[in-house]
Amino acid sequence: MPPTMSDVMPKKGSLTERSVSAARGLLGGQRRGIGGYLAFAGPAVIVSIAYMDPGNFATNIQAGAKYGYGLLWVVLLANLIAMLFQALSAKLGIVTGRNLAELCREQFPQPVVWAMWVISEIAAMATDLAEFLGGAIGLSLLFQMPLLAGMGVTAVVTYGILMFERSGFRPVELIIGSLVGIIGLCYLIEMFIVPVDWSAAALHTVLPQLADSDALLLSVGIIGATVMPHAVYLHSGLMQTRTPVHDDNERRKVLRFSNQEVIIALVIAGLVNMAMVMMASGAFHAGHSDVAEIETAYHTLTPLLGIGAAGVFLVSLIASGISSSAVGTMAGQMIMQGFMRFRIPILVRRLVTMIPAFIVVALGANATSALVISQVVLSIALPLPMIALLMFTRRADIMGQFANSRLTHIAALFATAFVLLLNTFLIVQTLGIPIPGLPAS
């Protein structure tokens, strides 16, 4: 079976070997300049694609079309939470040399480990549902092919990307980074095409409000689409053996570089998410607030803003679906290996997690509704890795001098409590219990 990136020894002269050499040179003081710093870039870029996956497209289109700029504050808050927890995940891998799933297996009772693994696998299937459907929808609309055929193309291309893992971590990082760049460029173009009320957007970015119970459901979906369980697990695995360190001084330098990359990568991801909401608001809110599906958004964009805007939208969706699907598979492999100490072939992993997506399409279910529901599932699964990460990174016996400061711990505690509160509201609403002070939709 293809090895994971952390298992591959870089071949002499390969991209991966040169990156490791450049990183070691910078840590040892033998190298200076941008090339050395760029050698540390990659893990947060890979993880950032989880924050721009097709689930974000679905929830952000609904948010912008129905509520205008009103839920931009949720996008900002979700992105800040994501930055904090991705930084903590990376720190865990750098300091301990183990990933979050491995530490869960070592520290928790076996029944808890089994439960966490099962929930993580369900979350992985929900993730793949969003990613495959998103990529397939984009392909089917752009090339006028059946949705099932689009899913097949997405699967083949994704598998091809994963085969580059044989050559180490750098080729995959460059491929995913290029796709992230395509998504970002597409939404930069959209901002020049779609009319945006920048003052209203700025106001609602910092003004919390929930118009009705549907806004709450969508907010939970946005949180689930932005802060992803598999991304929290994956980042620790990407960092655990990427750059060999010899002492705490080097570990501290790698940690500083990692934090800088997390901020840059997730600021870009956050801006893309905000651009999605603003695009939907500017294009649909005034006269097409009922737009709630990716397919409808495409067909509505064409007469409103032209085929160019609609085409750019689809290109970004395809890049998002393919790249996030590859990253989701990488995370699934690492989670299974960490919790259960075994790994299955990549092809089998792909087939297992693709099955729910193919079933949804074969049964004729609404694809965009399935995307939004999958994000709610992810939001409900999210507290487990968040709580585990919070527990481990504050323990001096695990992290040594790198254990969380009091301020970091309090911030992470509040973020976790916020996610738990949103999920509680979601469960209460699902059971049909009215929420005091929140208007019905």
Protein backbone atom coordinates (compact mmCIF):
# COMPACT_ATOMS: atom_id res chain seq x y z
CA MET A 1 0.00 0.00 0.00
CA PRO A 2 1.24 3.56 -0.54
CA PRO A 3 3.00 4.89 2.57
CA THR A 4 1.89 8.04 4.31
CA MET A 5 4.04 11.15 4.04
CA SER A 6 5.50 10.67 7.50
CA ASP A 7 6.66 7.15 6.56
CA VAL A 8 8.56 8.15 3.41
CA MET A 9 12.31 8.64 3.66
CA PRO A 10 13.20 11.46 1.25
CA LYS A 11 15.29 10.34 -1.70
CA LYS A 12 18.55 12.16 -2.28
CA GLY A 13 18.02 15.16 -4.54
CA SER A 14 14.20 14.93 -4.38
CA LEU A 15 11.97 17.91 -3.65
CA THR A 16 11.28 16.51 -0.19
CA GLU A 17 14.97 15.96 0.59
CA ARG A 18 15.86 19.46 -0.55
CA SER A 19 13.11 20.91 1.64
CA VAL A 20 14.32 18.99 4.69
CA SER A 21 17.91 20.08 3.97
CA ALA A 22 16.90 23.73 3.61
CA ALA A 23 14.89 23.58 6.85
CA ARG A 24 17.76 21.96 8.72
CA GLY A 25 20.13 24.59 7.32
CA LEU A 26 17.96 27.40 8.62
CA LEU A 27 17.61 25.78 12.05
CA GLY A 28 21.36 25.22 12.25
CA GLY A 29 22.23 28.75 11.17
CA GLN A 30 23.96 27.66 7.95
CA ARG A 31 21.26 29.10 5.72
CA ARG A 32 19.37 32.37 5.51
CA GLY A 33 16.82 33.91 3.20
CA ILE A 34 13.32 33.23 1.96
CA GLY A 35 14.20 29.76 0.63
CA GLY A 36 14.87 28.46 4.12
CA TYR A 37 11.61 29.84 5.47
CA LEU A 38 9.62 28.47 2.55
CA ALA A 39 10.93 25.00 3.38
CA PHE A 40 8.71 25.08 6.48
CA ALA A 41 5.62 26.08 4.49
CA GLY A 42 3.19 23.34 3.49
CA PRO A 43 1.36 21.68 6.40
CA ALA A 44 -0.91 24.64 7.16
CA VAL A 45 -1.51 25.12 3.43
CA ILE A 46 -2.66 21.49 3.16
CA VAL A 47 -4.89 21.88 6.22
CA SER A 48 -6.29 25.19 4.95
CA ILE A 49 -8.04 23.44 2.07
CA ALA A 50 -10.36 21.89 4.65
CA TYR A 51 -11.56 25.44 5.30
CA MET A 52 -12.36 26.06 1.64
CA ASP A 53 -14.02 22.75 0.77
CA PRO A 54 -17.38 22.37 -1.03
CA GLY A 55 -19.21 22.30 2.29
CA ASN A 56 -18.14 25.90 2.73
CA PHE A 57 -19.53 26.72 -0.71
CA ALA A 58 -22.92 25.26 0.22
CA THR A 59 -23.25 26.91 3.64
CA ASN A 60 -21.80 30.25 2.51
CA ILE A 61 -24.08 30.47 -0.54
CA GLN A 62 -27.11 29.85 1.67
CA ALA A 63 -25.87 32.34 4.27
CA GLY A 64 -25.23 35.11 1.76
CA ALA A 65 -28.37 34.55 -0.29
CA LYS A 66 -30.80 34.36 2.64
CA TYR A 67 -29.21 36.65 5.23
CA GLY A 68 -27.01 38.93 3.15
CA TYR A 69 -23.93 39.92 5.12
CA GLY A 70 -25.64 39.05 8.42
CA LEU A 71 -23.62 35.88 9.14
CA LEU A 72 -20.17 37.20 8.21
CA TRP A 73 -19.39 37.45 11.94
CA VAL A 74 -19.88 33.68 12.21
CA VAL A 75 -17.34 33.13 9.41
CA LEU A 76 -14.83 35.38 11.18
CA LEU A 77 -15.37 33.71 14.56
CA ALA A 78 -15.10 30.23 13.06
CA ASN A 79 -11.83 31.20 11.37
CA LEU A 80 -10.34 32.54 14.61
CA ILE A 81 -11.28 29.31 16.38
CA ALA A 82 -9.72 27.36 13.51
CA MET A 83 -6.45 29.29 13.79
CA LEU A 84 -6.19 28.57 17.50
CA PHE A 85 -6.86 24.86 17.24
CA GLN A 86 -4.73 24.28 14.14
CA ALA A 87 -1.83 26.00 15.90
CA LEU A 88 -2.35 23.77 18.95
CA SER A 89 -2.55 20.66 16.76
CA ALA A 90 0.68 21.56 14.98
CA LYS A 91 2.35 22.23 18.33
CA LEU A 92 1.33 18.83 19.62
CA GLY A 93 2.99 17.10 16.67
CA ILE A 94 6.15 19.22 16.83
CA VAL A 95 6.69 18.85 20.57
CA THR A 96 5.70 15.21 21.13
CA GLY A 97 6.52 13.63 17.76
CA ARG A 98 3.11 11.97 17.89
CA ASN A 99 -0.22 12.86 16.36
CA LEU A 100 -3.48 13.54 18.19
CA ALA A 101 -5.02 10.14 17.37
CA GLU A 102 -1.95 8.31 18.71
CA LEU A 103 -2.04 10.27 21.96
CA CYS A 104 -5.76 9.57 22.33
CA ARG A 105 -5.02 5.85 21.98
CA GLU A 106 -2.26 6.06 24.61
CA GLN A 107 -4.04 8.27 27.14
CA PHE A 108 -7.72 7.25 27.04
CA PRO A 109 -9.44 3.96 28.04
CA GLN A 110 -10.04 1.55 25.18
CA PRO A 111 -13.85 2.06 25.03
CA VAL A 112 -13.29 5.80 24.67
CA VAL A 113 -10.71 5.20 21.94
CA TRP A 114 -13.11 2.96 20.03
CA ALA A 115 -15.91 5.50 20.35
CA MET A 116 -13.68 8.35 19.18
CA TRP A 117 -12.50 6.30 16.21
CA VAL A 118 -16.05 5.40 15.14
CA ILE A 119 -17.18 9.03 15.42
CA SER A 120 -14.09 10.14 13.50
CA GLU A 121 -14.87 7.66 10.73
CA ILE A 122 -18.45 8.97 10.51
CA ALA A 123 -17.03 12.48 10.30
CA ALA A 124 -14.63 11.32 7.56
CA MET A 125 -17.57 9.98 5.55
CA ALA A 126 -19.45 13.25 6.04
CA THR A 127 -16.34 15.09 4.87
CA ASP A 128 -16.03 12.94 1.76
CA LEU A 129 -19.72 13.41 1.05
CA ALA A 130 -19.22 17.17 0.84
CA GLU A 131 -15.98 16.99 -1.11
CA PHE A 132 -17.06 14.43 -3.70
CA LEU A 133 -20.41 16.03 -4.28
CA GLY A 134 -18.83 19.46 -4.62
CA GLY A 135 -16.23 18.37 -7.14
CA ALA A 136 -18.77 16.30 -9.06
CA ILE A 137 -21.31 19.13 -9.19
CA GLY A 138 -18.65 21.47 -10.57
CA LEU A 139 -17.54 19.00 -13.24
CA SER A 140 -21.07 18.07 -14.25
CA LEU A 141 -22.07 21.72 -14.70
CA LEU A 142 -18.89 22.84 -16.43
CA PHE A 143 -18.59 19.89 -18.82
CA GLN A 144 -22.27 18.90 -19.04
CA MET A 145 -21.65 15.38 -17.73
CA PRO A 146 -23.84 13.23 -15.44
CA LEU A 147 -23.27 13.77 -11.71
CA LEU A 148 -22.12 10.15 -11.22
CA ALA A 149 -19.57 10.58 -14.01
CA GLY A 150 -18.32 13.73 -12.31
CA MET A 151 -17.88 11.79 -9.09
CA GLY A 152 -15.89 9.15 -10.96
CA VAL A 153 -13.56 11.78 -12.43
CA THR A 154 -13.12 13.36 -9.00
CA ALA A 155 -12.22 9.97 -7.55
CA VAL A 156 -9.61 9.21 -10.23
CA VAL A 157 -7.94 12.63 -10.02
CA THR A 158 -7.89 12.47 -6.23
CA TYR A 159 -6.27 9.05 -6.29
CA GLY A 160 -3.67 10.36 -8.74
CA ILE A 161 -2.75 13.21 -6.37
CA LEU A 162 -2.39 10.79 -3.46
CA MET A 163 0.07 8.67 -5.45
CA PHE A 164 2.56 11.52 -5.20
CA GLU A 165 2.90 10.65 -1.50
CA ARG A 166 5.35 7.98 -2.67
CA SER A 167 7.82 10.80 -3.36
CA GLY A 168 7.50 12.35 0.10
CA PHE A 169 5.58 15.27 1.48
CA ARG A 170 6.74 18.08 -0.83
CA PRO A 171 5.06 17.15 -4.15
CA VAL A 172 1.65 16.81 -2.45
CA GLU A 173 2.15 20.10 -0.63
CA LEU A 174 2.93 21.86 -3.93
CA ILE A 175 -0.08 20.33 -5.70
CA ILE A 176 -2.48 21.23 -2.90
CA GLY A 177 -0.90 24.66 -2.60
CA SER A 178 -1.46 25.28 -6.33
CA LEU A 179 -5.13 24.32 -6.01
CA VAL A 180 -5.48 26.64 -2.99
CA GLY A 181 -3.99 29.40 -5.14
CA ILE A 182 -6.56 28.71 -7.88
CA ILE A 183 -9.44 28.97 -5.38
CA GLY A 184 -8.08 32.22 -3.96
CA LEU A 185 -7.56 33.71 -7.43
CA CYS A 186 -11.09 32.76 -8.49
CA TYR A 187 -12.64 34.58 -5.55
CA LEU A 188 -10.39 37.59 -6.05
CA ILE A 189 -11.80 37.79 -9.57
CA GLU A 190 -15.37 37.38 -8.25
CA MET A 191 -14.88 40.39 -5.95
CA PHE A 192 -14.26 42.55 -9.03
CA ILE A 193 -17.38 41.20 -10.77
CA VAL A 194 -20.00 41.05 -8.01
CA PRO A 195 -21.38 44.32 -6.53
CA VAL A 196 -20.37 44.43 -2.85
CA ASP A 197 -21.53 46.86 -0.17
CA TRP A 198 -18.19 47.04 1.64
CA SER A 199 -19.43 49.18 4.55
CA ALA A 200 -22.28 46.74 5.29
CA ALA A 201 -19.91 43.81 4.98
CA ALA A 202 -17.47 45.41 7.43
CA LEU A 203 -20.27 46.14 9.93
CA HIS A 204 -21.70 42.61 9.91
CA THR A 205 -18.23 41.08 10.21
CA VAL A 206 -18.05 42.45 13.78
CA LEU A 207 -21.78 42.69 14.67
CA PRO A 208 -23.14 39.36 16.00
CA GLN A 209 -26.79 38.64 15.19
CA LEU A 210 -29.08 35.70 14.47
CA ALA A 211 -32.26 36.54 12.58
CA ASP A 212 -34.13 33.29 13.26
CA SER A 213 -33.73 29.58 14.05
CA ASP A 214 -32.67 28.82 10.48
CA ALA A 215 -29.81 31.26 10.94
CA LEU A 216 -28.74 29.25 13.99
CA LEU A 217 -28.79 26.02 12.00
CA LEU A 218 -26.78 27.64 9.23
CA SER A 219 -24.33 29.09 11.78
CA VAL A 220 -23.67 25.62 13.16
CA GLY A 221 -23.17 24.45 9.58
CA ILE A 222 -20.67 27.26 8.98
CA ILE A 223 -18.77 26.30 12.12
CA GLY A 224 -18.80 22.67 11.01
CA ALA A 225 -17.67 23.62 7.51
CA THR A 226 -14.88 25.84 8.81
CA VAL A 227 -13.44 24.09 11.88
CA MET A 228 -13.05 20.52 10.63
CA PRO A 229 -12.44 17.49 12.89
CA HIS A 230 -10.17 15.75 10.37
CA ALA A 231 -8.08 18.93 9.98
CA VAL A 232 -7.54 19.09 13.75
CA TYR A 233 -6.27 15.50 13.69
CA LEU A 234 -4.26 15.87 10.47
CA HIS A 235 -2.14 18.89 11.33
CA SER A 236 -0.45 17.11 14.23
CA GLY A 237 0.37 14.18 11.94
CA LEU A 238 1.83 16.40 9.22
CA MET A 239 4.17 18.05 11.73
CA GLN A 240 5.29 15.08 13.83
CA THR A 241 8.25 13.98 11.66
CA ARG A 242 8.39 16.60 8.90
CA THR A 243 11.42 18.59 10.13
CA PRO A 244 13.81 16.70 12.46
CA VAL A 245 14.67 18.73 15.56
CA HIS A 246 17.53 18.06 17.98
CA ASP A 247 16.69 20.17 21.01
CA ASP A 248 14.09 22.48 22.52
CA ASN A 249 15.69 25.55 20.94
CA GLU A 250 15.14 24.12 17.44
CA ARG A 251 11.69 22.93 18.48
CA ARG A 252 10.84 26.48 19.51
CA LYS A 253 11.98 27.83 16.13
CA VAL A 254 9.91 25.26 14.22
CA LEU A 255 6.92 26.13 16.39
CA ARG A 256 7.33 29.82 15.60
CA PHE A 257 7.50 29.12 11.85
CA SER A 258 4.45 26.86 12.15
CA ASN A 259 2.40 29.52 13.94
CA GLN A 260 3.29 32.08 11.29
CA GLU A 261 2.23 29.71 8.52
CA VAL A 262 -1.05 28.90 10.30
CA ILE A 263 -1.91 32.59 10.54
CA ILE A 264 -1.08 33.31 6.88
CA ALA A 265 -2.79 30.20 5.46
CA LEU A 266 -5.96 30.55 7.52
CA VAL A 267 -6.23 34.30 6.99
CA ILE A 268 -6.32 33.52 3.27
CA ALA A 269 -8.88 30.75 3.86
CA GLY A 270 -10.98 33.11 5.98
CA LEU A 271 -10.92 35.81 3.31
CA VAL A 272 -12.02 33.25 0.72
CA ASN A 273 -14.93 32.21 2.96
CA MET A 274 -15.97 35.82 3.47
CA ALA A 275 -15.71 36.39 -0.28
CA MET A 276 -18.07 33.44 -0.82
CA VAL A 277 -20.69 35.00 1.48
CA MET A 278 -20.24 38.44 -0.06
CA MET A 279 -20.51 37.03 -3.57
CA ALA A 280 -23.76 35.26 -2.68
CA SER A 281 -25.08 38.35 -0.92
CA GLY A 282 -24.20 40.73 -3.71
CA ALA A 283 -25.53 38.44 -6.44
CA PHE A 284 -28.59 36.82 -4.84
CA HIS A 285 -29.82 38.49 -1.63
CA ALA A 286 -31.72 41.40 -3.20
CA GLY A 287 -33.80 39.44 -5.70
CA HIS A 288 -32.93 35.76 -5.37
CA SER A 289 -32.75 35.13 -1.63
CA ASP A 290 -34.21 31.65 -2.14
CA VAL A 291 -31.00 30.46 -3.84
CA ALA A 292 -29.82 27.62 -1.63
CA GLU A 293 -28.17 25.17 -4.02
CA ILE A 294 -24.84 25.23 -5.82
CA GLU A 295 -26.49 24.29 -9.12
CA THR A 296 -29.06 27.08 -8.76
CA ALA A 297 -26.30 29.54 -7.85
CA TYR A 298 -24.46 28.69 -11.07
CA HIS A 299 -27.55 28.97 -13.28
CA THR A 300 -28.57 32.23 -11.58
CA LEU A 301 -25.08 33.75 -11.83
CA THR A 302 -24.98 33.26 -15.60
CA PRO A 303 -27.77 35.71 -16.55
CA LEU A 304 -27.00 38.07 -13.65
CA LEU A 305 -23.23 38.46 -14.02
CA GLY A 306 -22.32 36.58 -17.18
CA ILE A 307 -20.83 33.23 -18.09
CA GLY A 308 -17.39 34.41 -16.94
CA ALA A 309 -18.46 34.83 -13.30
CA ALA A 310 -20.30 31.51 -13.37
CA GLY A 311 -17.32 29.74 -14.95
CA VAL A 312 -14.89 31.13 -12.37
CA PHE A 313 -17.25 29.94 -9.64
CA LEU A 314 -17.21 26.38 -11.07
CA VAL A 315 -13.42 26.30 -11.49
CA SER A 316 -13.00 27.21 -7.83
CA LEU A 317 -15.54 24.55 -6.84
CA ILE A 318 -13.75 21.84 -8.84
CA ALA A 319 -10.35 22.80 -7.40
CA SER A 320 -11.89 22.76 -3.93
CA GLY A 321 -13.56 19.36 -4.36
CA ILE A 322 -10.49 17.60 -5.75
CA SER A 323 -7.96 19.03 -3.30
CA SER A 324 -10.12 18.66 -0.19
CA SER A 325 -10.97 15.08 -1.14
CA ALA A 326 -7.26 14.22 -1.28
CA VAL A 327 -6.64 15.90 2.06
CA GLY A 328 -9.62 14.11 3.61
CA THR A 329 -8.21 10.74 2.56
CA MET A 330 -4.81 11.61 4.03
CA ALA A 331 -6.50 12.53 7.30
CA GLY A 332 -8.59 9.34 7.31
CA GLN A 333 -5.50 7.17 6.90
CA MET A 334 -3.69 8.96 9.71
CA ILE A 335 -6.71 8.77 12.05
CA MET A 336 -7.13 5.03 11.46
CA GLN A 337 -3.43 4.36 11.94
CA GLY A 338 -3.33 6.49 15.08
CA PHE A 339 -6.39 5.03 16.78
CA MET A 340 -6.25 1.42 15.54
CA ARG A 341 -2.56 0.88 14.65
CA PHE A 342 -3.33 -0.31 11.17
CA ARG A 343 -3.65 1.20 7.73
CA ILE A 344 -5.60 0.06 4.69
CA PRO A 345 -4.65 0.65 1.05
CA ILE A 346 -5.46 4.13 -0.24
CA LEU A 347 -7.77 2.70 -2.92
CA VAL A 348 -9.81 0.81 -0.31
CA ARG A 349 -9.93 3.91 1.87
CA ARG A 350 -11.23 5.91 -1.09
CA LEU A 351 -13.91 3.37 -1.87
CA VAL A 352 -15.15 3.08 1.72
CA THR A 353 -15.53 6.82 2.29
CA MET A 354 -16.99 7.42 -1.20
CA ILE A 355 -19.86 4.98 -0.74
CA PRO A 356 -22.21 7.41 1.12
CA ALA A 357 -21.72 10.06 -1.58
CA PHE A 358 -22.58 7.63 -4.37
CA ILE A 359 -25.62 6.39 -2.43
CA VAL A 360 -26.88 9.97 -1.99
CA VAL A 361 -26.59 10.63 -5.73
CA ALA A 362 -28.02 7.24 -6.74
CA LEU A 363 -31.08 7.81 -4.54
CA GLY A 364 -31.68 11.19 -6.15
CA ALA A 365 -31.29 13.18 -2.94
CA ASN A 366 -30.74 16.93 -3.13
CA ALA A 367 -26.96 17.31 -3.38
CA THR A 368 -26.64 20.75 -1.78
CA SER A 369 -28.95 19.82 1.11
CA ALA A 370 -26.75 16.76 1.68
CA LEU A 371 -23.71 19.06 1.73
CA VAL A 372 -25.21 21.30 4.42
CA ILE A 373 -26.35 18.33 6.54
CA SER A 374 -22.85 16.84 6.29
CA GLN A 375 -21.44 20.07 7.74
CA VAL A 376 -23.84 19.88 10.69
CA VAL A 377 -22.65 16.29 11.31
CA LEU A 378 -19.06 17.55 11.29
CA SER A 379 -19.92 20.30 13.76
CA ILE A 380 -21.41 17.74 16.16
CA ALA A 381 -18.31 15.51 15.84
CA LEU A 382 -15.92 18.45 16.31
CA PRO A 383 -15.91 18.82 20.14
CA LEU A 384 -14.20 15.44 20.70
CA PRO A 385 -10.86 16.27 19.04
CA MET A 386 -11.09 19.83 20.37
CA ILE A 387 -11.46 18.62 23.96
CA ALA A 388 -8.71 16.01 23.55
CA LEU A 389 -6.33 18.57 22.06
CA LEU A 390 -7.11 21.02 24.85
CA MET A 391 -6.41 18.34 27.48
CA PHE A 392 -3.09 17.21 26.01
CA THR A 393 -1.58 20.59 25.16
CA ARG A 394 -2.07 21.93 28.68
CA ARG A 395 -0.31 18.97 30.35
CA ALA A 396 3.32 19.56 31.30
CA ASP A 397 3.98 15.80 31.46
CA ILE A 398 3.19 15.61 27.73
CA MET A 399 4.29 19.05 26.45
CA GLY A 400 7.02 19.96 28.93
CA GLN A 401 7.86 23.67 28.79
CA PHE A 402 5.62 24.01 25.71
CA ALA A 403 2.41 23.37 27.65
CA ASN A 404 -0.30 25.97 26.99
CA SER A 405 -0.09 29.22 28.89
CA ARG A 406 -3.04 30.20 31.05
CA LEU A 407 -4.22 32.72 28.43
CA THR A 408 -4.05 30.17 25.60
CA HIS A 409 -5.85 27.58 27.70
CA ILE A 410 -8.65 30.00 28.61
CA ALA A 411 -9.09 31.05 24.96
CA ALA A 412 -9.23 27.41 23.82
CA LEU A 413 -11.64 26.58 26.66
CA PHE A 414 -14.02 29.35 25.62
CA ALA A 415 -13.80 28.31 21.95
CA THR A 416 -14.65 24.71 22.84
CA ALA A 417 -17.52 25.85 25.06
CA PHE A 418 -18.87 28.00 22.24
CA VAL A 419 -18.91 25.06 19.82
CA LEU A 420 -20.58 22.85 22.44
CA LEU A 421 -23.21 25.55 23.06
CA LEU A 422 -24.01 25.83 19.35
CA ASN A 423 -24.31 22.07 19.07
CA THR A 424 -26.64 21.96 22.08
CA PHE A 425 -28.87 24.57 20.44
CA LEU A 426 -28.86 22.50 17.26
CA ILE A 427 -29.96 19.34 19.09
CA VAL A 428 -32.68 21.23 20.97
CA GLN A 429 -33.94 22.73 17.73
CA THR A 430 -33.86 19.36 15.97
CA LEU A 431 -36.06 17.92 18.76
CA GLY A 432 -38.57 20.71 18.10
CA ILE A 433 -38.05 22.48 21.42
CA PRO A 434 -38.45 26.27 21.05
CA ILE A 435 -35.41 28.34 21.99
CA PRO A 436 -36.36 31.37 24.14
CA GLY A 437 -35.51 34.70 22.54
CA LEU A 438 -34.91 33.23 19.08
CA PRO A 439 -37.61 33.94 16.50
CA ALA A 440 -38.95 30.98 14.54
CA SER A 441 -37.96 30.85 10.88
